[in-house]
Amino acid sequence: MKIQLNYDYHPEDPRECMGYQLFSGYRRIEGDINAEGGHESLEAEFEARVKDAISVPVYIYIHSGMTVRTYPFECPWDSAQLGYLFLTRKDARDMFGWKRITRKREEWLEERLRDFVNNEWDDYIRGECYMLQVDREDGDMIDHHPITGTDIRKAEEWVSGEGITPEALQEAADNMGEWVTVS
């Protein structure tokens, strides 16, 4: 068996896979719902247009690249609040099979949204997207798996089921684009 890690030049937005939606007040990044009044009325417009949702603020920094996180950047010239990442309560109940969302569950969902923005979605925005492919020695593909930069632990879990060690995965990362034979 052999593995190869490559850049994923056409990754799927992980936001779509998770069912999260973006309310955007930033003209350069379209959201699922876009603010009409600009940054001045962003919070009021979000609260008026998006009902019954769990959300976290999203801030963006653009300067020869982009990065996002859930708390403001220090630079007032190249950063702004992008909007809010949110999950409707109905979608959360459907996703997790809950009848109701307790305060503890809401806090857990908020933390999950924060973690998603600060890690996986930021990796996607910065282009830290990879495709891990597992092939037989004869070249037939066994499986492939998209990963983002901070998603390497998930990749380790996924490949351990294929009999691939974390060391082999690290070797593939160190030799980007080259095949690594797994014994």
Foldseek 3Di string as FASTA:
>chain_A
DKKAKAQDPDDDQVCVVVQKWWEFLDPVDDTPHYDDPHDVCQVVRCPVPDPQKQKAWKKWFDDPFIFIARDDDPDPPRMDTGHIIIHHQVNVCVVVVHPHQDPVNSVVVNVVNRCCRRPVNRQVRRRQKMKMWDADPVGHTPDIDIDGDVRLVVVQVVCVVVVAHSVSVVVNVVVHPDMGDDD
